């Protein structure tokens, strides 16, 4: 087993690294890594229905879709991530307890009452600190999990909090749970760096064939290519979202405004605007302009800034329309 302590904090690069060790390294791997502020959404999720768009934009939080299913999670530098890849037989592929056991063992050694819970979580006294997901490709499994060690809980809740009335779809939704940081349950202070090394050493000690591994220049070049061609792209992170309907109403100085959108693979296919507003021009022209656009703040803002919004919606601004579209 190759044991990798990956030091990049770029979310796009790191999710690409997960795919790289899974699909391109023949050996089984264990990797520890951290992301700077990011929301990592499950493969089958509707990205826009999982995030607080305004909060994400204000805080410059990156949004990245991963290979595995499951729910959305928030990462910051106080969160430690771990990944396992393993080649095996089909009947031993999905085994959440097997891959979370080493993490539980380290914490129990530190006097923390950690235990596996439900389908794919690790908890302390009933509070979740680790969510886990798996992805199978041919005869290999990728298992990755989070460890909330010293995360900013305000950002964890703020980034993932959305208005459930805005979206109606059949995508997998994240279910909020009570969460906690590991550091709040330690009997003695321990830095995240020391905890990381403790986990790594436990994996090495528990696996006789384990050896530390540093990525080569060729590895890093291949990961960078995967990052740039896939994981940084809107088409992967947002465009893969299942078909969904969006509905949002706002009050403005020019009256009420309600927008209804049908969206498929991130592209607006149908748009209807209602309200008690006035306008010199017919707002159906704006509806037509929206069709074919990405449901993306930057693209739609650019479109609206290119027209005289007030002529369609008297006493309304671009910001008013944007608040009804996201």
Protein backbone atom coordinates (compact mmCIF):
# COMPACT_ATOMS: atom_id res chain seq x y z
CA UNK A 1 0.00 0.00 0.00
CA UNK A 2 1.26 3.45 -0.95
CA UNK A 3 0.78 6.00 1.86
CA UNK A 4 0.58 9.58 0.65
CA UNK A 5 0.46 12.80 2.66
CA UNK A 6 -0.75 15.19 -0.03
CA UNK A 7 0.02 18.84 0.78
CA UNK A 8 -1.98 20.74 -1.87
CA UNK A 9 -5.01 22.65 -0.56
CA UNK A 10 -6.50 23.42 -4.01
CA UNK A 11 -9.94 21.70 -4.04
CA UNK A 12 -9.97 21.20 -7.82
CA UNK A 13 -6.49 19.67 -7.79
CA UNK A 14 -7.25 17.48 -4.80
CA UNK A 15 -10.45 15.98 -6.15
CA UNK A 16 -8.53 15.30 -9.37
CA UNK A 17 -5.86 13.61 -7.22
CA UNK A 18 -8.50 11.31 -5.75
CA UNK A 19 -9.44 10.16 -9.26
CA UNK A 20 -5.79 9.83 -10.28
CA UNK A 21 -4.75 7.50 -7.45
CA UNK A 22 -7.92 5.50 -8.05
CA UNK A 23 -7.65 5.03 -11.80
CA UNK A 24 -3.95 5.40 -12.59
CA UNK A 25 -1.93 3.95 -9.71
CA UNK A 26 -1.97 0.14 -9.73
CA UNK A 27 -1.07 -0.19 -6.06
CA UNK A 28 -3.63 0.19 -3.29
CA UNK A 29 -3.32 3.65 -1.74
CA UNK A 30 -4.01 5.58 1.43
CA UNK A 31 -3.94 9.38 1.25
CA UNK A 32 -4.40 12.22 3.73
CA UNK A 33 -5.21 15.69 2.39
CA UNK A 34 -6.95 18.99 3.13
CA UNK A 35 -8.94 21.48 1.06
CA UNK A 36 -9.15 25.21 1.45
CA UNK A 37 -12.75 26.48 1.62
CA UNK A 38 -14.86 24.27 -0.65
CA UNK A 39 -18.15 22.47 -1.00
CA UNK A 40 -17.74 18.97 -2.38
CA UNK A 41 -20.99 17.67 -3.87
CA UNK A 42 -21.91 14.07 -4.60
CA UNK A 43 -21.84 12.76 -8.16
CA UNK A 44 -25.64 12.50 -8.38
CA UNK A 45 -26.59 15.77 -6.71
CA UNK A 46 -28.12 18.96 -8.04
CA UNK A 47 -25.32 21.38 -7.16
CA UNK A 48 -27.46 24.51 -7.07
CA UNK A 49 -29.92 22.89 -4.66
CA UNK A 50 -27.13 22.06 -2.21
CA UNK A 51 -25.39 25.40 -1.77
CA UNK A 52 -26.15 28.84 -0.39
CA UNK A 53 -25.24 30.69 -3.59
CA UNK A 54 -24.84 34.15 -2.04
CA UNK A 55 -22.76 32.87 0.88
CA UNK A 56 -20.57 30.79 -1.41
CA UNK A 57 -19.90 33.77 -3.68
CA UNK A 58 -19.26 36.17 -0.79
CA UNK A 59 -16.78 33.81 0.89
CA UNK A 60 -15.17 32.69 -2.42
CA UNK A 61 -15.93 29.05 -1.64
CA UNK A 62 -15.03 26.65 -4.44
CA UNK A 63 -17.66 24.12 -5.52
CA UNK A 64 -16.44 20.77 -6.86
CA UNK A 65 -18.27 17.59 -7.84
CA UNK A 66 -16.60 14.33 -6.80
CA UNK A 67 -16.69 10.86 -8.35
CA UNK A 68 -18.67 9.22 -5.55
CA UNK A 69 -22.33 9.52 -4.61
CA UNK A 70 -23.75 10.66 -1.27
CA UNK A 71 -24.31 14.13 0.11
CA UNK A 72 -22.58 17.50 -0.05
CA UNK A 73 -19.88 18.32 2.51
CA UNK A 74 -18.05 21.50 3.46
CA UNK A 75 -14.24 21.46 3.61
CA UNK A 76 -11.89 23.97 5.18
CA UNK A 77 -8.35 23.73 6.51
CA UNK A 78 -9.68 22.45 9.83
CA UNK A 79 -11.04 19.38 8.07
CA UNK A 80 -8.79 16.38 7.35
CA UNK A 81 -9.75 14.12 4.46
CA UNK A 82 -8.67 10.52 3.97
CA UNK A 83 -8.86 8.30 0.88
CA UNK A 84 -8.37 4.59 0.37
CA UNK A 85 -8.17 2.76 -2.95
CA UNK A 86 -8.33 -1.02 -3.01
CA UNK A 87 -8.49 -3.73 -5.65
CA UNK A 88 -10.67 -6.67 -4.68
CA UNK A 89 -13.66 -8.85 -5.35
CA UNK A 90 -17.13 -7.49 -5.94
CA UNK A 91 -18.51 -8.86 -2.67
CA UNK A 92 -15.97 -6.91 -0.62
CA UNK A 93 -16.12 -3.62 -2.48
CA UNK A 94 -18.62 -1.60 -0.43
CA UNK A 95 -17.47 -1.79 3.18
CA UNK A 96 -17.73 1.50 5.04
CA UNK A 97 -16.90 -0.03 8.41
CA UNK A 98 -13.67 -1.57 7.15
CA UNK A 99 -12.27 1.74 5.90
CA UNK A 100 -13.42 3.85 8.85
CA UNK A 101 -12.09 1.40 11.45
CA UNK A 102 -8.50 2.83 11.49
CA UNK A 103 -9.82 6.35 12.15
CA UNK A 104 -11.97 5.08 15.01
CA UNK A 105 -8.99 3.18 16.45
CA UNK A 106 -6.80 6.29 16.52
CA UNK A 107 -9.49 8.33 18.22
CA UNK A 108 -10.28 5.66 20.78
CA UNK A 109 -6.57 5.52 21.60
CA UNK A 110 -6.86 9.26 22.34
CA UNK A 111 -9.77 8.60 24.68
CA UNK A 112 -12.46 9.79 22.28
CA UNK A 113 -15.73 7.84 22.18
CA UNK A 114 -15.87 7.50 18.38
CA UNK A 115 -18.05 4.90 16.71
CA UNK A 116 -19.45 3.95 13.33
CA UNK A 117 -23.06 5.08 12.93
CA UNK A 118 -25.84 4.55 10.41
CA UNK A 119 -24.92 3.95 6.81
CA UNK A 120 -21.66 5.85 6.42
CA UNK A 121 -20.88 8.17 9.35
CA UNK A 122 -18.55 8.24 12.34
CA UNK A 123 -19.92 9.98 15.41
CA UNK A 124 -18.85 11.12 18.87
CA UNK A 125 -21.62 10.98 21.47
CA UNK A 126 -24.21 10.95 18.70
CA UNK A 127 -22.74 13.93 16.79
CA UNK A 128 -21.31 13.44 13.32
CA UNK A 129 -17.69 14.38 12.60
CA UNK A 130 -17.04 12.15 9.60
CA UNK A 131 -19.06 11.46 6.48
CA UNK A 132 -17.90 8.81 4.03
CA UNK A 133 -18.55 7.92 0.39
CA UNK A 134 -17.44 5.21 -2.01
CA UNK A 135 -17.15 4.77 -5.76
CA UNK A 136 -16.57 1.50 -7.61
CA UNK A 137 -14.83 1.28 -10.99
CA UNK A 138 -14.23 -2.15 -12.48
CA UNK A 139 -12.62 -4.17 -9.67
CA UNK A 140 -11.50 -1.20 -7.58
CA UNK A 141 -13.12 0.86 -4.86
CA UNK A 142 -12.38 4.45 -3.86
CA UNK A 143 -13.37 5.22 -0.29
CA UNK A 144 -13.00 8.76 1.01
CA UNK A 145 -14.10 10.42 4.20
CA UNK A 146 -13.95 13.67 6.11
CA UNK A 147 -12.75 14.32 9.66
CA UNK A 148 -14.02 17.56 11.16
CA UNK A 149 -11.10 18.35 13.43
CA UNK A 150 -11.17 22.11 13.98
CA UNK A 151 -13.50 23.40 11.25
CA UNK A 152 -15.35 26.71 11.38
CA UNK A 153 -18.87 25.48 12.19
CA UNK A 154 -20.40 28.78 11.11
CA UNK A 155 -19.13 28.22 7.58
CA UNK A 156 -20.12 24.55 7.62
CA UNK A 157 -23.77 25.50 8.21
CA UNK A 158 -23.76 28.74 6.24
CA UNK A 159 -22.35 27.33 3.02
CA UNK A 160 -24.78 24.42 2.81
CA UNK A 161 -27.92 26.20 4.00
CA UNK A 162 -30.37 26.73 1.12
CA UNK A 163 -34.03 27.62 0.74
CA UNK A 164 -35.78 24.27 0.11
CA UNK A 165 -38.69 26.03 -1.58
CA UNK A 166 -36.52 27.17 -4.47
CA UNK A 167 -35.90 23.76 -5.98
CA UNK A 168 -38.01 20.79 -6.91
CA UNK A 169 -36.20 17.75 -8.30
CA UNK A 170 -35.44 14.09 -7.78
CA UNK A 171 -31.74 14.48 -7.03
CA UNK A 172 -30.14 13.14 -3.88
CA UNK A 173 -30.43 15.75 -1.10
CA UNK A 174 -28.04 16.14 1.79
CA UNK A 175 -29.71 15.59 5.15
CA UNK A 176 -28.48 18.00 7.87
CA UNK A 177 -27.18 16.33 11.03
CA UNK A 178 -25.73 17.56 14.29
CA UNK A 179 -21.98 17.88 13.81
CA UNK A 180 -18.95 18.34 16.04
CA UNK A 181 -15.19 18.89 15.89
CA UNK A 182 -12.82 16.19 17.13
CA UNK A 183 -10.66 18.71 19.01
CA UNK A 184 -13.57 19.52 21.34
CA UNK A 185 -13.50 15.95 22.68
CA UNK A 186 -9.76 15.47 23.25
CA UNK A 187 -8.49 15.09 26.79
CA UNK A 188 -5.29 16.96 25.88
CA UNK A 189 -4.56 19.53 23.16
CA UNK A 190 -3.24 18.05 19.91
CA UNK A 191 -2.49 19.97 16.72
CA UNK A 192 -4.09 18.89 13.47
CA UNK A 193 -0.60 18.27 12.05
CA UNK A 194 0.25 15.89 14.91
CA UNK A 195 -3.11 14.16 14.57
CA UNK A 196 -2.52 13.74 10.82
CA UNK A 197 0.85 12.08 11.44
CA UNK A 198 -0.71 9.85 14.10
CA UNK A 199 -3.31 8.59 11.60
CA UNK A 200 -0.66 8.04 8.93
CA UNK A 201 1.62 6.13 11.29
CA UNK A 202 -1.26 3.94 12.46
CA UNK A 203 -2.03 2.96 8.85
CA UNK A 204 1.65 2.15 8.21
CA UNK A 205 1.95 0.12 11.41
CA UNK A 206 -1.25 -1.82 10.62
CA UNK A 207 -0.23 -2.76 7.07
CA UNK A 208 3.09 -4.65 6.73
CA UNK A 209 3.41 -3.82 3.02
CA UNK A 210 2.74 -0.09 3.51
CA UNK A 211 5.30 2.45 2.33
CA UNK A 212 5.32 6.23 2.12
CA UNK A 213 5.04 7.65 -1.38
CA UNK A 214 5.73 11.07 -2.89
CA UNK A 215 4.12 12.02 -6.18
CA UNK A 216 6.55 12.18 -9.09
CA UNK A 217 6.72 15.05 -11.55
CA UNK A 218 4.83 12.84 -14.00
CA UNK A 219 2.10 12.17 -11.42
CA UNK A 220 1.66 15.86 -10.67
CA UNK A 221 1.55 16.77 -14.37
CA UNK A 222 -1.16 14.19 -15.01
CA UNK A 223 -3.19 15.40 -12.02
CA UNK A 224 -2.89 19.01 -13.17
CA UNK A 225 -4.17 18.02 -16.62
CA UNK A 226 -7.16 16.23 -15.07
CA UNK A 227 -7.83 19.26 -12.87
CA UNK A 228 -7.75 21.71 -15.78
CA UNK A 229 -9.71 19.58 -18.23
CA UNK A 230 -12.39 18.27 -15.87
CA UNK A 231 -12.63 19.37 -12.26
CA UNK A 232 -12.35 23.11 -12.73
CA UNK A 233 -15.02 23.12 -15.44
CA UNK A 234 -18.57 24.42 -14.96
CA UNK A 235 -19.81 21.54 -17.12
CA UNK A 236 -18.63 18.97 -14.53
CA UNK A 237 -19.43 20.85 -11.32
CA UNK A 238 -22.80 22.34 -12.32
CA UNK A 239 -23.74 21.09 -15.78
CA UNK A 240 -24.01 17.47 -14.66
CA UNK A 241 -26.83 18.35 -12.27
CA UNK A 242 -30.06 16.38 -12.86
CA UNK A 243 -33.07 18.08 -14.44
CA UNK A 244 -34.76 20.38 -11.96
CA UNK A 245 -37.26 23.20 -11.57
CA UNK A 246 -36.45 26.49 -9.89
CA UNK A 247 -38.99 28.92 -8.41
CA UNK A 248 -38.21 32.14 -6.54
CA UNK A 249 -40.21 35.20 -5.65
CA UNK A 250 -38.97 38.61 -4.41
CA UNK A 251 -40.43 42.00 -3.54
CA UNK A 252 -38.80 45.05 -5.15
CA UNK A 253 -39.43 48.79 -5.43
CA UNK A 254 -41.09 48.04 -8.75
CA UNK A 255 -43.42 45.36 -7.42
CA UNK A 256 -43.34 41.62 -6.94
CA UNK A 257 -41.35 39.34 -9.21
CA UNK A 258 -41.56 35.56 -9.48
CA UNK A 259 -39.31 33.51 -11.74
CA UNK A 260 -39.95 29.89 -12.77
CA UNK A 261 -37.21 27.99 -14.59
CA UNK A 262 -36.90 24.48 -16.04
CA UNK A 263 -33.25 23.49 -16.07
CA UNK A 264 -31.52 20.47 -17.59
CA UNK A 265 -27.81 19.75 -17.24
CA UNK A 266 -27.41 23.27 -15.88
CA UNK A 267 -28.97 24.93 -18.94
CA UNK A 268 -32.23 26.92 -18.79
CA UNK A 269 -34.75 25.27 -21.15
CA UNK A 270 -37.88 27.19 -20.18
CA UNK A 271 -38.42 30.48 -18.32
CA UNK A 272 -41.57 32.22 -17.12
CA UNK A 273 -41.64 35.52 -15.20
CA UNK A 274 -44.71 36.58 -13.20
CA UNK A 275 -45.47 39.62 -11.03
CA UNK A 276 -47.40 42.85 -10.59
CA UNK A 277 -44.67 44.94 -12.20
CA UNK A 278 -44.99 47.43 -15.09
CA UNK A 279 -42.75 47.84 -18.11
CA UNK A 280 -42.52 49.63 -21.45
CA UNK A 281 -41.31 46.46 -23.15
CA UNK A 282 -42.73 42.93 -22.96
CA UNK A 283 -40.91 40.85 -20.34
CA UNK A 284 -41.40 37.74 -22.50
CA UNK A 285 -38.37 39.02 -24.44
CA UNK A 286 -36.27 38.53 -21.30
CA UNK A 287 -37.72 35.04 -20.86
CA UNK A 288 -36.51 34.17 -24.37
CA UNK A 289 -33.06 35.62 -23.64
CA UNK A 290 -32.68 33.32 -20.64
CA UNK A 291 -33.38 30.15 -22.64
CA UNK A 292 -30.09 28.44 -23.49
CA UNK A 293 -28.16 30.22 -20.72
CA UNK A 294 -26.34 28.40 -17.97
CA UNK A 295 -28.03 28.78 -14.58
CA UNK A 296 -24.89 30.58 -13.51
CA UNK A 297 -24.62 33.93 -11.73
CA UNK A 298 -21.78 35.38 -13.82
CA UNK A 299 -23.30 34.45 -17.18
CA UNK A 300 -26.79 35.72 -16.36
CA UNK A 301 -25.52 38.93 -14.77
CA UNK A 302 -23.54 39.65 -17.94
CA UNK A 303 -26.70 39.09 -20.01
CA UNK A 304 -28.84 41.39 -17.84
CA UNK A 305 -26.21 44.13 -17.75
CA UNK A 306 -26.41 44.20 -21.55
CA UNK A 307 -30.08 45.22 -21.58
CA UNK A 308 -32.13 48.11 -20.16
CA UNK A 309 -33.75 46.24 -17.27
CA UNK A 310 -35.88 49.23 -16.27
CA UNK A 311 -37.64 49.22 -19.65
CA UNK A 312 -38.89 45.67 -19.00
CA UNK A 313 -39.35 45.95 -15.22
CA UNK A 314 -40.09 49.52 -14.12
CA UNK A 315 -38.10 50.64 -11.05
CA UNK A 316 -36.18 47.35 -10.92
CA UNK A 317 -32.44 46.79 -11.17
CA UNK A 318 -30.15 44.04 -12.35
CA UNK A 319 -29.67 43.09 -8.70
CA UNK A 320 -33.45 42.74 -8.27
CA UNK A 321 -33.62 40.29 -11.16
CA UNK A 322 -30.56 38.41 -9.94
CA UNK A 323 -32.17 37.94 -6.52
CA UNK A 324 -35.14 36.29 -8.22
CA UNK A 325 -32.98 33.99 -10.34
CA UNK A 326 -30.79 32.49 -7.56
